Amino acid sequence: MTVKSKHVRIKGIKDGLIFLLDDKCPFEDLLSELRYKLEHSHQNILTGPIVHVDIKLGNRPVTEEDKEALLEILKGQGNLLIRSIEALPVPGSEDNDALFLMSGILRSGQVLHHDGNLLYLGDVNPGGTITCSGDIYILGSLRGMAHAGVDGNEEAIIAASLMSPTQLRIADIISRPPDEWETRESSMEFAYLTNGAMQIDKIHNLVKVRQDLNVFKGV
């Protein structure tokens, strides 16, 4: 079956690709064309080194499930790294505390950005960068750079199973890590701001800065 290419445009930029997706057609038609275009029309961009991809959905409201459907198609292409997805949320569906789940290995030179709170299952290697407008939770080693609250949210935090970054940043506050990162205890920690300075603490003390958390107190 031939799918006419009219809803998906791929534009090359200096540091990657922009996928411009029509915001008027049915979403299922959009997914079908995107899948077809990647499998049949653009094999030349799917081989070789990692390519950063920004997805622009225009004025189409999308749910987290819609984003996952897009990511499923693109994750099948091993060298495409999704850097951002720009779209309108479905009215009434916004949940500022929701965690967006991604997994993988962020290697040197790669940049991952997410609007909202991100739970990343994997390692961020030296030279890799992860940025979010909200919180960053890394179930893995953070050995690269992490920037939470990129839009100025000073209440954002950065947490990692192993905290050994090249740089931490929350809002506009930058902390260059001390030499003793490598000798710290191997337990999950988080970084947060207090009085304009960055602090590091054990993850179980997160309730000190997030007092609305549900806390297990035992029986």
N, C-alpha and C. Protein backbone atom coordinates (compact mmCIF):
# COMPACT_ATOMS: atom_id res chain seq x y z
N MET A 1 0.85 -1.19 0.00
CA MET A 1 0.00 0.00 0.00
C MET A 1 0.89 1.24 0.00
N THR A 2 0.57 2.20 -0.84
CA THR A 2 1.33 3.43 -0.92
C THR A 2 0.68 4.50 -0.06
N VAL A 3 1.48 5.16 0.75
CA VAL A 3 0.98 6.26 1.58
C VAL A 3 1.50 7.56 1.00
N LYS A 4 0.60 8.44 0.60
CA LYS A 4 1.03 9.72 0.04
C LYS A 4 1.67 10.56 1.13
N SER A 5 2.81 11.14 0.79
CA SER A 5 3.57 11.91 1.76
C SER A 5 3.10 13.36 1.76
N LYS A 6 2.19 13.68 2.66
CA LYS A 6 1.67 15.04 2.71
C LYS A 6 1.55 15.58 4.12
N HIS A 7 1.63 14.71 5.11
CA HIS A 7 1.44 15.15 6.48
C HIS A 7 2.74 15.25 7.27
N VAL A 8 3.83 14.69 6.74
CA VAL A 8 5.11 14.65 7.45
C VAL A 8 6.18 15.31 6.60
N ARG A 9 6.82 16.34 7.17
CA ARG A 9 7.96 16.97 6.49
C ARG A 9 9.18 16.87 7.39
N ILE A 10 10.31 16.52 6.80
CA ILE A 10 11.56 16.39 7.55
C ILE A 10 12.54 17.44 7.06
N LYS A 11 12.97 18.27 7.97
CA LYS A 11 13.83 19.41 7.61
C LYS A 11 15.18 19.27 8.32
N GLY A 12 16.24 19.38 7.57
CA GLY A 12 17.58 19.32 8.15
C GLY A 12 18.00 20.66 8.73
N ILE A 13 18.58 20.63 9.93
CA ILE A 13 19.14 21.83 10.56
C ILE A 13 20.59 21.54 10.91
N LYS A 14 21.29 22.53 11.45
CA LYS A 14 22.72 22.41 11.68
C LYS A 14 23.08 21.23 12.57
N ASP A 15 22.28 21.00 13.63
CA ASP A 15 22.64 19.96 14.59
C ASP A 15 21.62 18.83 14.66
N GLY A 16 20.89 18.59 13.56
CA GLY A 16 19.95 17.48 13.58
C GLY A 16 18.83 17.63 12.56
N LEU A 17 17.66 17.14 12.93
CA LEU A 17 16.49 17.16 12.05
C LEU A 17 15.28 17.70 12.81
N ILE A 18 14.39 18.36 12.07
CA ILE A 18 13.09 18.76 12.60
C ILE A 18 12.02 17.99 11.85
N PHE A 19 11.16 17.30 12.58
CA PHE A 19 10.01 16.63 11.99
C PHE A 19 8.81 17.55 12.15
N LEU A 20 8.31 18.08 11.03
CA LEU A 20 7.15 18.97 11.04
C LEU A 20 5.92 18.14 10.70
N LEU A 21 5.03 17.97 11.66
CA LEU A 21 3.89 17.08 11.51
C LEU A 21 2.59 17.88 11.42
N ASP A 22 1.80 17.57 10.44
CA ASP A 22 0.53 18.26 10.18
C ASP A 22 -0.38 18.20 11.40
N ASP A 23 -0.96 19.32 11.79
CA ASP A 23 -1.84 19.33 12.96
C ASP A 23 -3.32 19.28 12.60
N LYS A 24 -3.63 19.02 11.33
CA LYS A 24 -5.04 19.00 10.90
C LYS A 24 -5.55 17.59 10.59
N CYS A 25 -4.66 16.69 10.18
CA CYS A 25 -5.10 15.35 9.79
C CYS A 25 -5.36 14.49 11.02
N PRO A 26 -6.11 13.37 10.87
CA PRO A 26 -6.29 12.44 11.99
C PRO A 26 -4.96 11.93 12.49
N PHE A 27 -4.84 11.76 13.80
CA PHE A 27 -3.56 11.37 14.38
C PHE A 27 -3.09 10.01 13.88
N GLU A 28 -4.02 9.07 13.67
CA GLU A 28 -3.65 7.75 13.17
C GLU A 28 -3.06 7.83 11.77
N ASP A 29 -3.61 8.74 10.93
CA ASP A 29 -3.05 8.93 9.59
C ASP A 29 -1.62 9.46 9.69
N LEU A 30 -1.41 10.34 10.65
CA LEU A 30 -0.08 10.92 10.85
C LEU A 30 0.93 9.84 11.23
N LEU A 31 0.53 8.96 12.15
CA LEU A 31 1.42 7.88 12.57
C LEU A 31 1.73 6.94 11.41
N SER A 32 0.71 6.62 10.61
CA SER A 32 0.90 5.71 9.48
C SER A 32 1.89 6.29 8.48
N GLU A 33 1.73 7.59 8.19
CA GLU A 33 2.64 8.20 7.21
C GLU A 33 4.05 8.30 7.76
N LEU A 34 4.17 8.64 9.06
CA LEU A 34 5.50 8.73 9.66
C LEU A 34 6.20 7.38 9.59
N ARG A 35 5.49 6.31 9.93
CA ARG A 35 6.07 4.97 9.89
C ARG A 35 6.50 4.61 8.46
N TYR A 36 5.62 4.90 7.50
CA TYR A 36 5.93 4.58 6.10
C TYR A 36 7.13 5.37 5.60
N LYS A 37 7.17 6.65 5.96
CA LYS A 37 8.24 7.51 5.46
C LYS A 37 9.60 7.05 5.99
N LEU A 38 9.64 6.66 7.26
CA LEU A 38 10.90 6.20 7.84
C LEU A 38 11.34 4.86 7.25
N GLU A 39 10.36 3.99 6.97
CA GLU A 39 10.70 2.66 6.50
C GLU A 39 11.02 2.60 5.01
N HIS A 40 10.46 3.56 4.22
CA HIS A 40 10.59 3.44 2.78
C HIS A 40 11.25 4.63 2.07
N SER A 41 11.10 5.83 2.64
CA SER A 41 11.51 7.01 1.89
C SER A 41 12.78 7.68 2.39
N HIS A 42 13.16 7.43 3.64
CA HIS A 42 14.28 8.17 4.20
C HIS A 42 15.29 7.23 4.86
N GLN A 43 15.58 6.11 4.23
CA GLN A 43 16.56 5.19 4.78
C GLN A 43 17.95 5.82 4.89
N ASN A 44 18.21 6.82 4.04
CA ASN A 44 19.54 7.44 4.05
C ASN A 44 19.84 8.19 5.34
N ILE A 45 18.80 8.67 6.04
CA ILE A 45 19.04 9.41 7.30
C ILE A 45 19.05 8.47 8.50
N LEU A 46 18.73 7.21 8.28
CA LEU A 46 18.60 6.28 9.39
C LEU A 46 19.82 5.40 9.57
N THR A 47 20.87 5.71 8.85
CA THR A 47 22.12 4.98 9.00
C THR A 47 23.22 5.97 9.36
N GLY A 48 24.22 5.49 10.05
CA GLY A 48 25.32 6.37 10.41
C GLY A 48 25.22 6.83 11.85
N PRO A 49 25.82 8.00 12.15
CA PRO A 49 25.90 8.47 13.54
C PRO A 49 24.55 8.91 14.09
N ILE A 50 24.53 9.17 15.40
CA ILE A 50 23.32 9.63 16.08
C ILE A 50 22.83 10.95 15.48
N VAL A 51 21.51 11.05 15.28
CA VAL A 51 20.90 12.27 14.76
C VAL A 51 19.89 12.78 15.79
N HIS A 52 20.04 14.04 16.20
CA HIS A 52 19.10 14.64 17.13
C HIS A 52 17.83 15.06 16.38
N VAL A 53 16.67 14.78 16.99
CA VAL A 53 15.40 15.05 16.33
C VAL A 53 14.52 15.92 17.23
N ASP A 54 14.00 17.01 16.67
CA ASP A 54 12.97 17.83 17.32
C ASP A 54 11.66 17.61 16.57
N ILE A 55 10.62 17.28 17.32
CA ILE A 55 9.30 17.01 16.73
C ILE A 55 8.39 18.19 17.00
N LYS A 56 7.78 18.72 15.95
CA LYS A 56 6.86 19.85 16.08
C LYS A 56 5.49 19.42 15.57
N LEU A 57 4.51 19.42 16.49
CA LEU A 57 3.16 18.96 16.17
C LEU A 57 2.19 20.13 15.96
N GLY A 58 2.71 21.34 15.89
CA GLY A 58 1.86 22.49 15.62
C GLY A 58 0.84 22.73 16.71
N ASN A 59 -0.40 23.02 16.31
CA ASN A 59 -1.47 23.32 17.27
C ASN A 59 -2.32 22.11 17.62
N ARG A 60 -1.76 20.92 17.42
CA ARG A 60 -2.50 19.70 17.73
C ARG A 60 -2.34 19.38 19.23
N PRO A 61 -3.45 19.31 19.98
CA PRO A 61 -3.35 18.87 21.38
C PRO A 61 -3.04 17.37 21.41
N VAL A 62 -2.06 16.96 22.21
CA VAL A 62 -1.70 15.55 22.29
C VAL A 62 -1.62 15.12 23.75
N THR A 63 -1.94 13.87 23.99
CA THR A 63 -1.82 13.29 25.31
C THR A 63 -0.45 12.63 25.45
N GLU A 64 -0.12 12.20 26.67
CA GLU A 64 1.13 11.48 26.87
C GLU A 64 1.11 10.17 26.08
N GLU A 65 -0.08 9.56 25.94
CA GLU A 65 -0.19 8.33 25.15
C GLU A 65 0.14 8.58 23.68
N ASP A 66 -0.31 9.75 23.16
CA ASP A 66 0.03 10.12 21.79
C ASP A 66 1.54 10.26 21.62
N LYS A 67 2.19 10.90 22.60
CA LYS A 67 3.64 11.07 22.53
C LYS A 67 4.34 9.72 22.56
N GLU A 68 3.84 8.82 23.39
CA GLU A 68 4.44 7.48 23.47
C GLU A 68 4.32 6.76 22.14
N ALA A 69 3.17 6.92 21.45
CA ALA A 69 2.98 6.29 20.15
C ALA A 69 4.00 6.81 19.14
N LEU A 70 4.25 8.11 19.17
CA LEU A 70 5.27 8.69 18.30
C LEU A 70 6.65 8.14 18.62
N LEU A 71 6.96 8.09 19.91
CA LEU A 71 8.28 7.62 20.32
C LEU A 71 8.50 6.16 19.95
N GLU A 72 7.43 5.35 20.02
CA GLU A 72 7.57 3.94 19.67
C GLU A 72 8.03 3.77 18.22
N ILE A 73 7.48 4.61 17.33
CA ILE A 73 7.87 4.54 15.92
C ILE A 73 9.32 4.98 15.75
N LEU A 74 9.68 6.06 16.42
CA LEU A 74 11.01 6.62 16.22
C LEU A 74 12.09 5.83 16.95
N LYS A 75 11.72 5.19 18.07
CA LYS A 75 12.71 4.40 18.81
C LYS A 75 13.15 3.17 18.03
N GLY A 76 12.33 2.78 17.05
CA GLY A 76 12.72 1.65 16.21
C GLY A 76 13.88 1.98 15.30
N GLN A 77 14.19 3.26 15.18
CA GLN A 77 15.32 3.71 14.35
C GLN A 77 16.49 4.00 15.29
N GLY A 78 17.48 3.13 15.30
CA GLY A 78 18.51 3.16 16.32
C GLY A 78 19.32 4.43 16.42
N ASN A 79 19.42 5.22 15.35
CA ASN A 79 20.30 6.39 15.41
C ASN A 79 19.54 7.70 15.61
N LEU A 80 18.23 7.63 15.83
CA LEU A 80 17.45 8.85 16.07
C LEU A 80 17.30 9.07 17.57
N LEU A 81 17.74 10.24 18.05
CA LEU A 81 17.60 10.58 19.47
C LEU A 81 16.63 11.75 19.59
N ILE A 82 15.49 11.52 20.22
CA ILE A 82 14.46 12.55 20.34
C ILE A 82 14.91 13.58 21.36
N ARG A 83 15.04 14.83 20.90
CA ARG A 83 15.50 15.90 21.77
C ARG A 83 14.33 16.68 22.36
N SER A 84 13.25 16.84 21.60
CA SER A 84 12.10 17.58 22.12
C SER A 84 10.86 17.23 21.31
N ILE A 85 9.70 17.37 21.96
CA ILE A 85 8.41 17.23 21.31
C ILE A 85 7.60 18.47 21.66
N GLU A 86 7.25 19.26 20.65
CA GLU A 86 6.49 20.48 20.87
C GLU A 86 5.05 20.27 20.41
N ALA A 87 4.11 20.42 21.36
CA ALA A 87 2.69 20.24 21.04
C ALA A 87 1.87 20.86 22.15
N LEU A 88 0.59 21.05 21.89
CA LEU A 88 -0.32 21.54 22.91
C LEU A 88 -0.83 20.36 23.73
N PRO A 89 -0.90 20.52 25.07
CA PRO A 89 -1.52 19.44 25.86
C PRO A 89 -3.02 19.42 25.65
N VAL A 90 -3.63 18.26 25.84
CA VAL A 90 -5.08 18.17 25.77
C VAL A 90 -5.67 19.01 26.90
N PRO A 91 -6.63 19.92 26.61
CA PRO A 91 -7.21 20.76 27.66
C PRO A 91 -7.70 19.93 28.83
N GLY A 92 -7.31 20.35 30.04
CA GLY A 92 -7.74 19.65 31.23
C GLY A 92 -6.89 18.45 31.59
N SER A 93 -5.90 18.12 30.73
CA SER A 93 -5.09 16.92 30.99
C SER A 93 -3.75 17.24 31.65
N GLU A 94 -3.45 18.53 31.84
CA GLU A 94 -2.16 18.90 32.38
C GLU A 94 -2.00 18.38 33.81
N ASP A 95 -0.86 17.77 34.08
CA ASP A 95 -0.53 17.30 35.41
C ASP A 95 0.92 17.68 35.66
N ASN A 96 1.10 18.77 36.41
CA ASN A 96 2.44 19.31 36.58
C ASN A 96 3.37 18.36 37.32
N ASP A 97 2.80 17.37 38.04
CA ASP A 97 3.61 16.45 38.81
C ASP A 97 3.88 15.15 38.05
N ALA A 98 3.31 14.98 36.86
CA ALA A 98 3.46 13.73 36.13
C ALA A 98 4.92 13.54 35.71
N LEU A 99 5.35 12.28 35.73
CA LEU A 99 6.71 11.94 35.29
C LEU A 99 6.64 11.31 33.92
N PHE A 100 7.44 11.85 32.99
CA PHE A 100 7.55 11.26 31.67
C PHE A 100 8.69 10.26 31.69
N LEU A 101 8.43 9.03 31.25
CA LEU A 101 9.39 7.95 31.36
C LEU A 101 10.14 7.74 30.05
N MET A 102 11.46 7.71 30.14
CA MET A 102 12.31 7.37 28.99
C MET A 102 13.43 6.47 29.48
N SER A 103 14.01 5.71 28.56
CA SER A 103 15.13 4.86 28.92
C SER A 103 16.18 4.88 27.81
N GLY A 104 17.38 4.46 28.17
CA GLY A 104 18.46 4.42 27.18
C GLY A 104 19.79 4.74 27.81
N ILE A 105 20.76 5.04 26.97
CA ILE A 105 22.08 5.49 27.41
C ILE A 105 22.39 6.79 26.69
N LEU A 106 22.61 7.84 27.44
CA LEU A 106 22.93 9.15 26.86
C LEU A 106 24.45 9.25 26.74
N ARG A 107 24.92 9.24 25.50
CA ARG A 107 26.37 9.20 25.27
C ARG A 107 26.94 10.59 25.03
N SER A 108 28.25 10.66 24.96
CA SER A 108 28.94 11.93 24.76
C SER A 108 28.45 12.64 23.50
N GLY A 109 28.14 13.92 23.62
CA GLY A 109 27.68 14.70 22.49
C GLY A 109 26.18 14.69 22.30
N GLN A 110 25.47 13.83 23.03
CA GLN A 110 24.02 13.75 22.89
C GLN A 110 23.33 14.66 23.90
N VAL A 111 22.20 15.25 23.47
CA VAL A 111 21.43 16.15 24.32
C VAL A 111 19.99 15.67 24.34
N LEU A 112 19.44 15.49 25.53
CA LEU A 112 18.04 15.11 25.68
C LEU A 112 17.32 16.21 26.43
N HIS A 113 16.22 16.72 25.84
CA HIS A 113 15.43 17.74 26.52
C HIS A 113 13.99 17.28 26.64
N HIS A 114 13.37 17.60 27.80
CA HIS A 114 11.95 17.29 28.00
C HIS A 114 11.29 18.45 28.72
N ASP A 115 10.08 18.81 28.26
CA ASP A 115 9.27 19.83 28.94
C ASP A 115 8.42 19.13 29.99
N GLY A 116 8.74 19.35 31.25
CA GLY A 116 8.04 18.70 32.35
C GLY A 116 9.02 17.97 33.24
N ASN A 117 8.51 16.98 33.98
CA ASN A 117 9.34 16.16 34.86
C ASN A 117 9.73 14.87 34.15
N LEU A 118 10.98 14.45 34.28
CA LEU A 118 11.47 13.30 33.54
C LEU A 118 12.04 12.23 34.48
N LEU A 119 11.63 10.99 34.25
CA LEU A 119 12.25 9.84 34.89
C LEU A 119 13.03 9.10 33.81
N TYR A 120 14.35 9.10 33.93
CA TYR A 120 15.22 8.52 32.91
C TYR A 120 15.85 7.25 33.46
N LEU A 121 15.56 6.12 32.80
CA LEU A 121 16.09 4.83 33.21
C LEU A 121 17.34 4.53 32.39
N GLY A 122 18.50 4.82 32.94
CA GLY A 122 19.73 4.61 32.21
C GLY A 122 20.80 5.56 32.68
N ASP A 123 21.96 5.48 32.04
CA ASP A 123 23.11 6.30 32.42
C ASP A 123 23.25 7.52 31.52
N VAL A 124 23.75 8.60 32.12
CA VAL A 124 24.15 9.78 31.35
C VAL A 124 25.68 9.81 31.41
N ASN A 125 26.29 9.49 30.30
CA ASN A 125 27.75 9.37 30.26
C ASN A 125 28.42 10.74 30.18
N PRO A 126 29.73 10.81 30.48
CA PRO A 126 30.46 12.07 30.34
C PRO A 126 30.28 12.64 28.94
N GLY A 127 29.99 13.93 28.86
CA GLY A 127 29.75 14.57 27.58
C GLY A 127 28.29 14.56 27.17
N GLY A 128 27.45 13.78 27.86
CA GLY A 128 26.01 13.77 27.60
C GLY A 128 25.31 14.85 28.41
N THR A 129 24.19 15.35 27.90
CA THR A 129 23.46 16.43 28.56
C THR A 129 21.99 16.10 28.62
N ILE A 130 21.40 16.32 29.80
CA ILE A 130 19.97 16.11 29.97
C ILE A 130 19.37 17.37 30.59
N THR A 131 18.32 17.91 29.97
CA THR A 131 17.71 19.15 30.44
C THR A 131 16.20 18.97 30.54
N CYS A 132 15.60 19.67 31.51
CA CYS A 132 14.14 19.59 31.72
C CYS A 132 13.64 20.92 32.26
N SER A 133 12.38 21.23 31.96
CA SER A 133 11.77 22.39 32.57
C SER A 133 11.35 22.09 34.00
N GLY A 134 11.20 20.79 34.32
CA GLY A 134 10.83 20.38 35.67
C GLY A 134 11.95 19.61 36.35
N ASP A 135 11.58 18.54 37.07
CA ASP A 135 12.55 17.72 37.80
C ASP A 135 13.20 16.70 36.88
N ILE A 136 14.39 16.25 37.30
CA ILE A 136 15.09 15.16 36.60
C ILE A 136 15.39 14.06 37.62
N TYR A 137 14.89 12.85 37.34
CA TYR A 137 15.19 11.68 38.18
C TYR A 137 15.89 10.66 37.29
N ILE A 138 17.11 10.30 37.63
CA ILE A 138 17.90 9.37 36.82
C ILE A 138 18.12 8.09 37.61
N LEU A 139 17.53 6.99 37.16
CA LEU A 139 17.81 5.69 37.75
C LEU A 139 19.00 5.10 37.00
N GLY A 140 20.16 5.58 37.38
CA GLY A 140 21.40 5.22 36.71
C GLY A 140 22.47 6.20 37.16
N SER A 141 23.58 6.19 36.45
CA SER A 141 24.71 7.07 36.80
C SER A 141 24.59 8.39 36.05
N LEU A 142 24.77 9.48 36.77
CA LEU A 142 24.85 10.81 36.15
C LEU A 142 26.31 11.23 36.14
N ARG A 143 26.95 11.06 34.97
CA ARG A 143 28.36 11.44 34.83
C ARG A 143 28.54 12.57 33.82
N GLY A 144 27.44 13.03 33.26
CA GLY A 144 27.48 14.15 32.34
C GLY A 144 26.91 15.40 32.99
N MET A 145 26.18 16.19 32.20
CA MET A 145 25.62 17.46 32.67
C MET A 145 24.11 17.34 32.78
N ALA A 146 23.52 17.88 33.86
CA ALA A 146 22.07 17.88 34.04
C ALA A 146 21.62 19.29 34.41
N HIS A 147 20.54 19.74 33.76
CA HIS A 147 19.99 21.07 34.01
C HIS A 147 18.48 20.94 34.20
N ALA A 148 18.00 21.14 35.42
CA ALA A 148 16.57 21.10 35.73
C ALA A 148 16.05 22.52 35.88
N GLY A 149 14.74 22.69 35.67
CA GLY A 149 14.15 24.02 35.81
C GLY A 149 14.71 25.00 34.80
N VAL A 150 14.84 24.57 33.54
CA VAL A 150 15.52 25.40 32.53
C VAL A 150 14.78 26.71 32.26
N ASP A 151 13.48 26.76 32.57
CA ASP A 151 12.72 27.99 32.35
C ASP A 151 12.72 28.91 33.56
N GLY A 152 13.58 28.60 34.54
CA GLY A 152 13.69 29.46 35.71
C GLY A 152 13.05 28.90 36.97
N ASN A 153 12.62 27.64 36.94
CA ASN A 153 11.98 27.03 38.10
C ASN A 153 13.02 26.65 39.15
N GLU A 154 13.16 27.47 40.19
CA GLU A 154 14.18 27.22 41.21
C GLU A 154 13.77 26.13 42.20
N GLU A 155 12.53 25.63 42.09
CA GLU A 155 12.09 24.55 42.97
C GLU A 155 12.34 23.17 42.34
N ALA A 156 12.86 23.14 41.13
CA ALA A 156 13.16 21.87 40.47
C ALA A 156 14.32 21.19 41.18
N ILE A 157 14.40 19.85 41.02
CA ILE A 157 15.49 19.10 41.62
C ILE A 157 16.13 18.18 40.58
N ILE A 158 17.31 17.68 40.91
CA ILE A 158 18.00 16.68 40.10
C ILE A 158 18.37 15.53 41.02
N ALA A 159 17.93 14.32 40.68
CA ALA A 159 18.25 13.15 41.49
C ALA A 159 18.89 12.09 40.60
N ALA A 160 19.80 11.32 41.19
CA ALA A 160 20.47 10.25 40.43
C ALA A 160 20.90 9.14 41.36
N SER A 161 20.88 7.91 40.85
CA SER A 161 21.33 6.77 41.64
C SER A 161 22.80 6.92 42.00
N LEU A 162 23.59 7.41 41.03
CA LEU A 162 25.00 7.70 41.27
C LEU A 162 25.28 9.10 40.77
N MET A 163 25.57 10.00 41.71
CA MET A 163 25.74 11.42 41.38
C MET A 163 27.23 11.71 41.19
N SER A 164 27.64 11.78 39.92
CA SER A 164 29.04 12.09 39.61
C SER A 164 29.10 12.94 38.35
N PRO A 165 28.42 14.10 38.35
CA PRO A 165 28.26 14.90 37.14
C PRO A 165 29.48 15.75 36.80
N THR A 166 29.53 16.18 35.55
CA THR A 166 30.50 17.19 35.17
C THR A 166 29.98 18.57 35.56
N GLN A 167 28.64 18.71 35.57
CA GLN A 167 28.04 19.97 36.00
C GLN A 167 26.57 19.74 36.33
N LEU A 168 26.09 20.39 37.39
CA LEU A 168 24.68 20.44 37.73
C LEU A 168 24.21 21.87 37.58
N ARG A 169 22.95 22.01 37.13
CA ARG A 169 22.38 23.36 37.02
C ARG A 169 20.89 23.30 37.33
N ILE A 170 20.43 24.17 38.18
CA ILE A 170 19.00 24.31 38.48
C ILE A 170 18.64 25.77 38.26
N ALA A 171 17.66 25.99 37.36
CA ALA A 171 17.33 27.36 36.93
C ALA A 171 18.61 28.01 36.41
N ASP A 172 19.04 29.13 37.03
CA ASP A 172 20.26 29.80 36.58
C ASP A 172 21.46 29.54 37.49
N ILE A 173 21.28 28.66 38.49
CA ILE A 173 22.36 28.39 39.45
C ILE A 173 23.18 27.21 38.96
N ILE A 174 24.48 27.42 38.83
CA ILE A 174 25.39 26.39 38.33
C ILE A 174 26.28 25.91 39.48
N SER A 175 26.41 24.61 39.59
CA SER A 175 27.33 24.03 40.57
C SER A 175 28.33 23.16 39.84
N ARG A 176 29.57 23.54 39.90
CA ARG A 176 30.61 22.68 39.35
C ARG A 176 31.02 21.71 40.46
N PRO A 177 30.99 20.43 40.18
CA PRO A 177 31.17 19.45 41.25
C PRO A 177 32.57 19.46 41.83
N PRO A 178 32.67 19.15 43.12
CA PRO A 178 34.00 19.09 43.77
C PRO A 178 34.76 17.85 43.32
N ASP A 179 36.03 17.82 43.65
CA ASP A 179 36.89 16.70 43.25
C ASP A 179 36.48 15.39 43.90
N GLU A 180 35.78 15.48 45.04
CA GLU A 180 35.50 14.25 45.77
C GLU A 180 34.23 13.53 45.29
N TRP A 181 33.66 13.94 44.12
CA TRP A 181 32.48 13.22 43.63
C TRP A 181 32.73 11.72 43.57
N GLU A 182 33.88 11.33 43.05
CA GLU A 182 34.15 9.92 42.82
C GLU A 182 34.28 9.12 44.11
N THR A 183 34.51 9.79 45.24
CA THR A 183 34.70 9.08 46.49
C THR A 183 33.46 9.11 47.37
N ARG A 184 32.33 9.63 46.83
CA ARG A 184 31.12 9.72 47.63
C ARG A 184 30.49 8.34 47.78
N GLU A 185 29.61 8.23 48.78
CA GLU A 185 28.90 6.97 48.97
C GLU A 185 28.01 6.70 47.75
N SER A 186 27.90 5.42 47.42
CA SER A 186 27.09 5.05 46.25
C SER A 186 25.63 4.88 46.66
N SER A 187 24.97 5.98 46.96
CA SER A 187 23.55 5.97 47.29
C SER A 187 22.86 7.09 46.54
N MET A 188 21.57 6.94 46.29
CA MET A 188 20.85 7.92 45.49
C MET A 188 20.77 9.25 46.23
N GLU A 189 21.09 10.32 45.51
CA GLU A 189 21.09 11.66 46.08
C GLU A 189 20.30 12.60 45.17
N PHE A 190 20.01 13.78 45.70
CA PHE A 190 19.35 14.79 44.89
C PHE A 190 19.93 16.16 45.17
N ALA A 191 19.89 17.00 44.14
CA ALA A 191 20.38 18.38 44.26
C ALA A 191 19.18 19.32 44.25
N TYR A 192 19.24 20.36 45.07
CA TYR A 192 18.15 21.33 45.17
C TYR A 192 18.74 22.69 45.55
N LEU A 193 17.93 23.72 45.42
CA LEU A 193 18.38 25.07 45.76
C LEU A 193 17.78 25.51 47.09
N THR A 194 18.61 26.16 47.88
CA THR A 194 18.13 26.81 49.10
C THR A 194 18.90 28.10 49.27
N ASN A 195 18.16 29.19 49.39
CA ASN A 195 18.77 30.52 49.51
C ASN A 195 19.74 30.81 48.38
N GLY A 196 19.38 30.37 47.17
CA GLY A 196 20.19 30.67 46.00
C GLY A 196 21.44 29.84 45.86
N ALA A 197 21.62 28.82 46.73
CA ALA A 197 22.80 27.95 46.65
C ALA A 197 22.35 26.52 46.45
N MET A 198 23.17 25.74 45.75
CA MET A 198 22.84 24.35 45.50
C MET A 198 23.32 23.46 46.63
N GLN A 199 22.44 22.55 47.04
CA GLN A 199 22.74 21.60 48.11
C GLN A 199 22.54 20.18 47.59
N ILE A 200 23.22 19.22 48.21
CA ILE A 200 23.08 17.81 47.88
C ILE A 200 22.66 17.06 49.14
N ASP A 201 21.68 16.15 48.99
CA ASP A 201 21.22 15.39 50.14
C ASP A 201 20.80 14.00 49.70
N LYS A 202 20.62 13.10 50.67
CA LYS A 202 20.13 11.76 50.40
C LYS A 202 18.68 11.83 49.91
N ILE A 203 18.32 10.91 49.02
CA ILE A 203 17.00 10.97 48.42
C ILE A 203 15.88 10.83 49.44
N HIS A 204 16.12 10.10 50.56
CA HIS A 204 15.05 9.95 51.53
C HIS A 204 14.74 11.25 52.27
N ASN A 205 15.61 12.25 52.11
CA ASN A 205 15.35 13.55 52.72
C ASN A 205 14.62 14.51 51.77
N LEU A 206 14.16 13.99 50.65
CA LEU A 206 13.44 14.82 49.68
C LEU A 206 12.22 15.48 50.31
N VAL A 207 11.63 14.82 51.31
CA VAL A 207 10.44 15.36 51.96
C VAL A 207 10.72 16.72 52.61
N LYS A 208 11.99 17.04 52.86
CA LYS A 208 12.33 18.33 53.44
C LYS A 208 11.99 19.48 52.50
N VAL A 209 12.10 19.23 51.19
CA VAL A 209 11.81 20.28 50.22
C VAL A 209 10.51 20.02 49.48
N ARG A 210 9.98 18.81 49.59
CA ARG A 210 8.69 18.46 48.97
C ARG A 210 7.78 17.95 50.08
N GLN A 211 7.24 18.86 50.86
CA GLN A 211 6.49 18.47 52.04
C GLN A 211 5.12 17.88 51.72
N ASP A 212 4.71 17.93 50.45
CA ASP A 212 3.44 17.33 50.07
C ASP A 212 3.59 15.87 49.65
N LEU A 213 4.79 15.31 49.77
CA LEU A 213 5.01 13.91 49.41
C LEU A 213 4.29 12.98 50.38
N ASN A 214 3.80 11.86 49.85
CA ASN A 214 3.28 10.81 50.71
C ASN A 214 4.45 10.05 51.28
N VAL A 215 4.53 9.96 52.60
CA VAL A 215 5.67 9.36 53.28
C VAL A 215 5.26 8.06 53.95
N PHE A 216 6.01 7.00 53.68
CA PHE A 216 5.78 5.71 54.35
C PHE A 216 6.36 5.76 55.75
N LYS A 217 5.52 5.52 56.76
CA LYS A 217 5.95 5.61 58.15
C LYS A 217 5.98 4.26 58.86
N GLY A 218 5.69 3.19 58.12
CA GLY A 218 5.71 1.87 58.72
C GLY A 218 4.46 1.61 59.54
N VAL A 219 4.45 0.48 60.24
CA VAL A 219 3.29 0.11 61.06
C VAL A 219 3.72 -0.16 62.48
